[in-house]
């Protein structure tokens, strides 16, 4: 079935308003136990670093495909409206 797939519109990462973006999201729940809180906070910090987790997100591909699956987080310095509430 995937061989019959036709791409009519391909999203790009240049426009954060592109409706075809597939952003990966990370949430830190409010009920993380005290024992794991620092680890969880460090993981979230690593995930939003351009040379950390964002590199993993940017390069993630489904095996056997050419395209990338997720869009990286917006650069909050260049696009602050896309980071409201962060």
PDB file of N, CA and C in Angstrom:
ATOM      1  N   UNK A   1       0.817  -1.179   0.000  1.00  0.00           N
ATOM      2  CA  UNK A   1       0.000   0.000   0.000  1.00  0.00           C
ATOM      3  C   UNK A   1       0.870   1.255   0.000  1.00  0.00           C
ATOM      4  N   UNK A   2       1.950   1.280   0.785  1.00  0.00           N
ATOM      5  CA  UNK A   2       2.814   2.459   0.844  1.00  0.00           C
ATOM      6  C   UNK A   2       3.438   2.767  -0.509  1.00  0.00           C
ATOM      7  N   UNK A   3       3.632   1.748  -1.339  1.00  0.00           N
ATOM      8  CA  UNK A   3       4.191   1.976  -2.677  1.00  0.00           C
ATOM      9  C   UNK A   3       3.247   2.770  -3.560  1.00  0.00           C
ATOM     10  N   UNK A   4       1.967   2.771  -3.236  1.00  0.00           N
ATOM     11  CA  UNK A   4       0.976   3.495  -4.025  1.00  0.00           C
ATOM     12  C   UNK A   4       0.716   4.909  -3.505  1.00  0.00           C
ATOM     13  N   UNK A   5       1.440   5.313  -2.476  1.00  0.00           N
ATOM     14  CA  UNK A   5       1.247   6.618  -1.868  1.00  0.00           C
ATOM     15  C   UNK A   5       1.728   7.723  -2.805  1.00  0.00           C
ATOM     16  N   UNK A   6       0.914   8.739  -2.974  1.00  0.00           N
ATOM     17  CA  UNK A   6       1.264   9.884  -3.807  1.00  0.00           C
ATOM     18  C   UNK A   6       1.408  11.097  -2.902  1.00  0.00           C
ATOM     19  N   UNK A   7       2.523  11.823  -3.017  1.00  0.00           N
ATOM     20  CA  UNK A   7       2.748  13.033  -2.231  1.00  0.00           C
ATOM     21  C   UNK A   7       2.212  14.209  -3.028  1.00  0.00           C
ATOM     22  N   UNK A   8       1.170  14.850  -2.525  1.00  0.00           N
ATOM     23  CA  UNK A   8       0.578  16.007  -3.194  1.00  0.00           C
ATOM     24  C   UNK A   8       1.162  17.313  -2.677  1.00  0.00           C
ATOM     25  N   UNK A   9       1.556  17.319  -1.414  1.00  0.00           N
ATOM     26  CA  UNK A   9       2.129  18.520  -0.808  1.00  0.00           C
ATOM     27  C   UNK A   9       3.119  18.060   0.243  1.00  0.00           C
ATOM     28  N   UNK A  10       4.318  18.587   0.186  1.00  0.00           N
ATOM     29  CA  UNK A  10       5.339  18.223   1.155  1.00  0.00           C
ATOM     30  C   UNK A  10       5.593  19.428   2.049  1.00  0.00           C
ATOM     31  N   UNK A  11       5.509  19.237   3.330  1.00  0.00           N
ATOM     32  CA  UNK A  11       5.783  20.308   4.271  1.00  0.00           C
ATOM     33  C   UNK A  11       7.277  20.564   4.367  1.00  0.00           C
ATOM     34  N   UNK A  12       7.632  21.755   4.728  1.00  0.00           N
ATOM     35  CA  UNK A  12       9.032  22.132   4.928  1.00  0.00           C
ATOM     36  C   UNK A  12       9.178  22.688   6.336  1.00  0.00           C
ATOM     37  N   UNK A  13      10.400  22.766   6.823  1.00  0.00           N
ATOM     38  CA  UNK A  13      10.655  23.265   8.164  1.00  0.00           C
ATOM     39  C   UNK A  13      10.940  24.762   8.196  1.00  0.00           C
ATOM     40  N   UNK A  14      10.819  25.434   7.059  1.00  0.00           N
ATOM     41  CA  UNK A  14      11.158  26.856   6.995  1.00  0.00           C
ATOM     42  C   UNK A  14      10.082  27.759   7.576  1.00  0.00           C
ATOM     43  N   UNK A  15       8.838  27.330   7.546  1.00  0.00           N
ATOM     44  CA  UNK A  15       7.714  28.163   7.966  1.00  0.00           C
ATOM     45  C   UNK A  15       7.014  27.522   9.168  1.00  0.00           C
ATOM     46  N   UNK A  16       7.166  28.085  10.364  1.00  0.00           N
ATOM     47  CA  UNK A  16       6.536  27.470  11.539  1.00  0.00           C
ATOM     48  C   UNK A  16       5.010  27.479  11.484  1.00  0.00           C
ATOM     49  N   UNK A  17       4.417  28.231  10.554  1.00  0.00           N
ATOM     50  CA  UNK A  17       2.966  28.227  10.402  1.00  0.00           C
ATOM     51  C   UNK A  17       2.485  27.180   9.393  1.00  0.00           C
ATOM     52  N   UNK A  18       3.417  26.436   8.800  1.00  0.00           N
ATOM     53  CA  UNK A  18       3.068  25.406   7.818  1.00  0.00           C
ATOM     54  C   UNK A  18       2.178  24.360   8.491  1.00  0.00           C
ATOM     55  N   UNK A  19       0.976  24.130   7.965  1.00  0.00           N
ATOM     56  CA  UNK A  19       0.077  23.164   8.607  1.00  0.00           C
ATOM     57  C   UNK A  19       0.556  21.721   8.499  1.00  0.00           C
ATOM     58  N   UNK A  20       1.569  21.465   7.680  1.00  0.00           N
ATOM     59  CA  UNK A  20       2.062  20.101   7.533  1.00  0.00           C
ATOM     60  C   UNK A  20       3.233  19.774   8.446  1.00  0.00           C
ATOM     61  N   UNK A  21       3.599  20.693   9.320  1.00  0.00           N
ATOM     62  CA  UNK A  21       4.653  20.384  10.277  1.00  0.00           C
ATOM     63  C   UNK A  21       4.177  19.300  11.225  1.00  0.00           C
ATOM     64  N   UNK A  22       5.083  18.456  11.630  1.00  0.00           N
ATOM     65  CA  UNK A  22       4.758  17.386  12.573  1.00  0.00           C
ATOM     66  C   UNK A  22       5.683  17.523  13.776  1.00  0.00           C
ATOM     67  N   UNK A  23       5.379  18.461  14.670  1.00  0.00           N
ATOM     68  CA  UNK A  23       6.294  18.697  15.783  1.00  0.00           C
ATOM     69  C   UNK A  23       6.256  17.577  16.818  1.00  0.00           C
ATOM     70  N   UNK A  24       7.430  17.291  17.342  1.00  0.00           N
ATOM     71  CA  UNK A  24       7.517  16.378  18.471  1.00  0.00           C
ATOM     72  C   UNK A  24       7.335  17.234  19.726  1.00  0.00           C
ATOM     73  N   UNK A  25       6.605  16.743  20.674  1.00  0.00           N
ATOM     74  CA  UNK A  25       6.353  17.515  21.897  1.00  0.00           C
ATOM     75  C   UNK A  25       6.882  16.751  23.102  1.00  0.00           C
ATOM     76  N   UNK A  26       7.269  17.496  24.111  1.00  0.00           N
ATOM     77  CA  UNK A  26       7.703  16.892  25.372  1.00  0.00           C
ATOM     78  C   UNK A  26       7.024  17.641  26.511  1.00  0.00           C
ATOM     79  N   UNK A  27       6.529  16.903  27.453  1.00  0.00           N
ATOM     80  CA  UNK A  27       5.855  17.483  28.612  1.00  0.00           C
ATOM     81  C   UNK A  27       6.485  16.924  29.879  1.00  0.00           C
ATOM     82  N   UNK A  28       6.589  17.750  30.865  1.00  0.00           N
ATOM     83  CA  UNK A  28       7.037  17.299  32.180  1.00  0.00           C
ATOM     84  C   UNK A  28       5.825  17.384  33.094  1.00  0.00           C
ATOM     85  N   UNK A  29       5.318  16.237  33.462  1.00  0.00           N
ATOM     86  CA  UNK A  29       4.114  16.181  34.277  1.00  0.00           C
ATOM     87  C   UNK A  29       4.316  16.782  35.662  1.00  0.00           C
ATOM     88  N   UNK A  30       3.237  17.202  36.255  1.00  0.00           N
ATOM     89  CA  UNK A  30       3.278  17.827  37.561  1.00  0.00           C
ATOM     90  C   UNK A  30       3.409  16.848  38.710  1.00  0.00           C
ATOM     91  N   UNK A  31       3.419  15.551  38.406  1.00  0.00           N
ATOM     92  CA  UNK A  31       3.478  14.568  39.487  1.00  0.00           C
ATOM     93  C   UNK A  31       4.720  13.696  39.397  1.00  0.00           C
ATOM     94  N   UNK A  32       5.822  14.264  38.926  1.00  0.00           N
ATOM     95  CA  UNK A  32       7.087  13.533  38.909  1.00  0.00           C
ATOM     96  C   UNK A  32       7.568  13.408  40.346  1.00  0.00           C
ATOM     97  N   UNK A  33       7.910  12.186  40.756  1.00  0.00           N
ATOM     98  CA  UNK A  33       8.351  12.006  42.146  1.00  0.00           C
ATOM     99  C   UNK A  33       9.674  12.737  42.369  1.00  0.00           C
ATOM    100  N   UNK A  34       9.876  13.168  43.582  1.00  0.00           N
ATOM    101  CA  UNK A  34      11.064  13.956  43.951  1.00  0.00           C
ATOM    102  C   UNK A  34      12.349  13.245  43.553  1.00  0.00           C
ATOM    103  N   UNK A  35      12.377  11.939  43.682  1.00  0.00           N
ATOM    104  CA  UNK A  35      13.562  11.140  43.352  1.00  0.00           C
ATOM    105  C   UNK A  35      13.943  11.293  41.873  1.00  0.00           C
ATOM    106  N   UNK A  36      12.969  11.444  41.000  1.00  0.00           N
ATOM    107  CA  UNK A  36      13.224  11.504  39.557  1.00  0.00           C
ATOM    108  C   UNK A  36      13.121  12.907  38.970  1.00  0.00           C
ATOM    109  N   UNK A  37      12.809  13.910  39.776  1.00  0.00           N
ATOM    110  CA  UNK A  37      12.567  15.254  39.265  1.00  0.00           C
ATOM    111  C   UNK A  37      13.785  15.844  38.549  1.00  0.00           C
ATOM    112  N   UNK A  38      14.958  15.764  39.131  1.00  0.00           N
ATOM    113  CA  UNK A  38      16.164  16.332  38.510  1.00  0.00           C
ATOM    114  C   UNK A  38      16.463  15.640  37.185  1.00  0.00           C
ATOM    115  N   UNK A  39      16.342  14.326  37.151  1.00  0.00           N
ATOM    116  CA  UNK A  39      16.564  13.567  35.918  1.00  0.00           C
ATOM    117  C   UNK A  39      15.575  13.998  34.838  1.00  0.00           C
ATOM    118  N   UNK A  40      14.309  14.143  35.211  1.00  0.00           N
ATOM    119  CA  UNK A  40      13.289  14.559  34.257  1.00  0.00           C
ATOM    120  C   UNK A  40      13.560  15.968  33.738  1.00  0.00           C
ATOM    121  N   UNK A  41      13.919  16.878  34.625  1.00  0.00           N
ATOM    122  CA  UNK A  41      14.224  18.252  34.211  1.00  0.00           C
ATOM    123  C   UNK A  41      15.451  18.292  33.304  1.00  0.00           C
ATOM    124  N   UNK A  42      16.470  17.512  33.638  1.00  0.00           N
ATOM    125  CA  UNK A  42      17.667  17.453  32.799  1.00  0.00           C
ATOM    126  C   UNK A  42      17.339  16.888  31.413  1.00  0.00           C
ATOM    127  N   UNK A  43      16.464  15.907  31.355  1.00  0.00           N
ATOM    128  CA  UNK A  43      16.070  15.327  30.069  1.00  0.00           C
ATOM    129  C   UNK A  43      15.338  16.358  29.208  1.00  0.00           C
ATOM    130  N   UNK A  44      14.418  17.098  29.796  1.00  0.00           N
ATOM    131  CA  UNK A  44      13.704  18.143  29.052  1.00  0.00           C
ATOM    132  C   UNK A  44      14.688  19.197  28.551  1.00  0.00           C
ATOM    133  N   UNK A  45      15.612  19.613  29.401  1.00  0.00           N
ATOM    134  CA  UNK A  45      16.625  20.587  28.992  1.00  0.00           C
ATOM    135  C   UNK A  45      17.436  20.050  27.823  1.00  0.00           C
ATOM    136  N   UNK A  46      17.860  18.805  27.888  1.00  0.00           N
ATOM    137  CA  UNK A  46      18.619  18.186  26.794  1.00  0.00           C
ATOM    138  C   UNK A  46      17.784  18.115  25.518  1.00  0.00           C
ATOM    139  N   UNK A  47      16.505  17.791  25.657  1.00  0.00           N
ATOM    140  CA  UNK A  47      15.638  17.660  24.467  1.00  0.00           C
ATOM    141  C   UNK A  47      15.517  18.958  23.688  1.00  0.00           C
ATOM    142  N   UNK A  48      15.551  20.109  24.353  1.00  0.00           N
ATOM    143  CA  UNK A  48      15.356  21.373  23.636  1.00  0.00           C
ATOM    144  C   UNK A  48      16.670  21.988  23.165  1.00  0.00           C
ATOM    145  N   UNK A  49      17.796  21.392  23.519  1.00  0.00           N
ATOM    146  CA  UNK A  49      19.093  21.894  23.070  1.00  0.00           C
ATOM    147  C   UNK A  49      19.291  21.577  21.584  1.00  0.00           C
ATOM    148  N   UNK A  50      19.710  22.575  20.778  1.00  0.00           N
ATOM    149  CA  UNK A  50      19.922  22.340  19.343  1.00  0.00           C
ATOM    150  C   UNK A  50      20.909  21.206  19.050  1.00  0.00           C
ATOM    151  N   UNK A  51      21.947  21.061  19.882  1.00  0.00           N
ATOM    152  CA  UNK A  51      22.934  20.004  19.662  1.00  0.00           C
ATOM    153  C   UNK A  51      22.680  18.782  20.520  1.00  0.00           C
ATOM    154  N   UNK A  52      21.537  18.731  21.167  1.00  0.00           N
ATOM    155  CA  UNK A  52      21.165  17.595  22.014  1.00  0.00           C
ATOM    156  C   UNK A  52      20.003  16.848  21.391  1.00  0.00           C
ATOM    157  N   UNK A  53      18.896  16.883  22.094  1.00  0.00           N
ATOM    158  CA  UNK A  53      17.715  16.156  21.643  1.00  0.00           C
ATOM    159  C   UNK A  53      17.152  16.647  20.322  1.00  0.00           C
ATOM    160  N   UNK A  54      17.299  17.943  20.032  1.00  0.00           N
ATOM    161  CA  UNK A  54      16.780  18.457  18.754  1.00  0.00           C
ATOM    162  C   UNK A  54      17.517  17.838  17.573  1.00  0.00           C
ATOM    163  N   UNK A  55      18.781  17.485  17.754  1.00  0.00           N
ATOM    164  CA  UNK A  55      19.536  16.792  16.703  1.00  0.00           C
ATOM    165  C   UNK A  55      18.947  15.405  16.466  1.00  0.00           C
ATOM    166  N   UNK A  56      18.547  14.728  17.552  1.00  0.00           N
ATOM    167  CA  UNK A  56      17.913  13.412  17.435  1.00  0.00           C
ATOM    168  C   UNK A  56      16.565  13.550  16.732  1.00  0.00           C
ATOM    169  N   UNK A  57      15.765  14.527  17.153  1.00  0.00           N
ATOM    170  CA  UNK A  57      14.452  14.755  16.536  1.00  0.00           C
ATOM    171  C   UNK A  57      14.603  15.053  15.048  1.00  0.00           C
ATOM    172  N   UNK A  58      15.539  15.940  14.729  1.00  0.00           N
ATOM    173  CA  UNK A  58      15.731  16.383  13.348  1.00  0.00           C
ATOM    174  C   UNK A  58      16.151  15.231  12.433  1.00  0.00           C
ATOM    175  N   UNK A  59      16.921  14.293  12.956  1.00  0.00           N
ATOM    176  CA  UNK A  59      17.462  13.233  12.105  1.00  0.00           C
ATOM    177  C   UNK A  59      16.671  11.928  12.160  1.00  0.00           C
ATOM    178  N   UNK A  60      15.568  11.899  12.899  1.00  0.00           N
ATOM    179  CA  UNK A  60      14.795  10.660  13.022  1.00  0.00           C
ATOM    180  C   UNK A  60      14.072  10.336  11.724  1.00  0.00           C
ATOM    181  N   UNK A  61      14.274   9.123  11.241  1.00  0.00           N
ATOM    182  CA  UNK A  61      13.604   8.641  10.041  1.00  0.00           C
ATOM    183  C   UNK A  61      13.033   7.257  10.294  1.00  0.00           C
ATOM    184  N   UNK A  62      11.920   6.986   9.669  1.00  0.00           N
ATOM    185  CA  UNK A  62      11.400   5.628   9.686  1.00  0.00           C
ATOM    186  C   UNK A  62      12.311   4.804   8.780  1.00  0.00           C
ATOM    187  N   UNK A  63      12.775   3.647   9.228  1.00  0.00           N
ATOM    188  CA  UNK A  63      13.659   2.830   8.390  1.00  0.00           C
ATOM    189  C   UNK A  63      13.044   2.566   7.010  1.00  0.00           C
ATOM    190  N   UNK A  64      13.868   2.715   6.001  1.00  0.00           N
ATOM    191  CA  UNK A  64      13.419   2.459   4.638  1.00  0.00           C
ATOM    192  C   UNK A  64      12.757   3.646   3.956  1.00  0.00           C
ATOM    193  N   UNK A  65      12.731   4.812   4.620  1.00  0.00           N
ATOM    194  CA  UNK A  65      12.131   6.001   4.016  1.00  0.00           C
ATOM    195  C   UNK A  65      13.189   7.062   3.790  1.00  0.00           C
ATOM    196  N   UNK A  66      12.860   8.037   2.955  1.00  0.00           N
ATOM    197  CA  UNK A  66      13.801   9.120   2.677  1.00  0.00           C
ATOM    198  C   UNK A  66      13.496  10.362   3.500  1.00  0.00           C
ATOM    199  N   UNK A  67      12.268  10.543   3.916  1.00  0.00           N
ATOM    200  CA  UNK A  67      11.875  11.761   4.617  1.00  0.00           C
ATOM    201  C   UNK A  67      12.071  11.661   6.111  1.00  0.00           C
ATOM    202  N   UNK A  68      12.084  12.805   6.728  1.00  0.00           N
ATOM    203  CA  UNK A  68      12.188  12.873   8.184  1.00  0.00           C
ATOM    204  C   UNK A  68      10.801  13.017   8.764  1.00  0.00           C
ATOM    205  N   UNK A  69      10.603  12.490   9.960  1.00  0.00           N
ATOM    206  CA  UNK A  69       9.262  12.431  10.532  1.00  0.00           C
ATOM    207  C   UNK A  69       8.879  13.666  11.330  1.00  0.00           C
ATOM    208  N   UNK A  70       9.784  14.186  12.143  1.00  0.00           N
ATOM    209  CA  UNK A  70       9.418  15.263  13.054  1.00  0.00           C
ATOM    210  C   UNK A  70      10.092  16.587  12.703  1.00  0.00           C
ATOM    211  N   UNK A  71       9.481  17.644  13.147  1.00  0.00           N
ATOM    212  CA  UNK A  71      10.015  18.989  12.998  1.00  0.00           C
ATOM    213  C   UNK A  71      10.635  19.393  14.332  1.00  0.00           C
ATOM    214  N   UNK A  72      11.752  20.084  14.280  1.00  0.00           N
ATOM    215  CA  UNK A  72      12.399  20.517  15.513  1.00  0.00           C
ATOM    216  C   UNK A  72      11.617  21.658  16.164  1.00  0.00           C
ATOM    217  N   UNK A  73      11.960  21.922  17.396  1.00  0.00           N
ATOM    218  CA  UNK A  73      11.328  23.029  18.124  1.00  0.00           C
ATOM    219  C   UNK A  73      11.718  24.352  17.471  1.00  0.00           C
ATOM    220  N   UNK A  74      10.836  25.335  17.533  1.00  0.00           N
ATOM    221  CA  UNK A  74      11.180  26.637  16.945  1.00  0.00           C
ATOM    222  C   UNK A  74      12.316  27.311  17.706  1.00  0.00           C
ATOM    223  N   UNK A  75      13.052  28.132  16.996  1.00  0.00           N
ATOM    224  CA  UNK A  75      14.094  28.944  17.629  1.00  0.00           C
ATOM    225  C   UNK A  75      13.388  30.108  18.305  1.00  0.00           C
ATOM    226  N   UNK A  76      13.299  30.075  19.615  1.00  0.00           N
ATOM    227  CA  UNK A  76      12.506  31.063  20.351  1.00  0.00           C
ATOM    228  C   UNK A  76      13.082  32.470  20.256  1.00  0.00           C
ATOM    229  N   UNK A  77      14.354  32.597  19.934  1.00  0.00           N
ATOM    230  CA  UNK A  77      14.936  33.924  19.748  1.00  0.00           C
ATOM    231  C   UNK A  77      14.516  34.521  18.417  1.00  0.00           C
ATOM    232  N   UNK A  78      14.345  33.678  17.402  1.00  0.00           N
ATOM    233  CA  UNK A  78      13.957  34.150  16.075  1.00  0.00           C
ATOM    234  C   UNK A  78      12.444  34.177  15.898  1.00  0.00           C
ATOM    235  N   UNK A  79      11.729  33.294  16.597  1.00  0.00           N
ATOM    236  CA  UNK A  79      10.285  33.160  16.441  1.00  0.00           C
ATOM    237  C   UNK A  79       9.595  33.111  17.799  1.00  0.00           C
ATOM    238  N   UNK A  80       9.662  34.201  18.576  1.00  0.00           N
ATOM    239  CA  UNK A  80       9.133  34.168  19.952  1.00  0.00           C
ATOM    240  C   UNK A  80       7.636  33.850  20.036  1.00  0.00           C
ATOM    241  N   UNK A  81       6.860  34.207  19.014  1.00  0.00           N
ATOM    242  CA  UNK A  81       5.415  33.937  19.095  1.00  0.00           C
ATOM    243  C   UNK A  81       5.115  32.445  19.108  1.00  0.00           C
ATOM    244  N   UNK A  82       6.054  31.619  18.620  1.00  0.00           N
ATOM    245  CA  UNK A  82       5.848  30.188  18.592  1.00  0.00           C
ATOM    246  C   UNK A  82       6.306  29.511  19.884  1.00  0.00           C
ATOM    247  N   UNK A  83       6.785  30.307  20.819  1.00  0.00           N
ATOM    248  CA  UNK A  83       7.278  29.757  22.073  1.00  0.00           C
ATOM    249  C   UNK A  83       6.493  30.270  23.269  1.00  0.00           C
ATOM    250  N   UNK A  84       5.377  30.869  23.038  1.00  0.00           N
ATOM    251  CA  UNK A  84       4.577  31.416  24.138  1.00  0.00           C
ATOM    252  C   UNK A  84       4.263  30.313  25.140  1.00  0.00           C
ATOM    253  N   UNK A  85       4.499  30.596  26.391  1.00  0.00           N
ATOM    254  CA  UNK A  85       4.198  29.630  27.443  1.00  0.00           C
ATOM    255  C   UNK A  85       5.348  28.692  27.760  1.00  0.00           C
ATOM    256  N   UNK A  86       6.453  28.779  27.059  1.00  0.00           N
ATOM    257  CA  UNK A  86       7.591  27.889  27.337  1.00  0.00           C
ATOM    258  C   UNK A  86       8.377  28.439  28.476  1.00  0.00           C
TER     259      UNK A  86
END
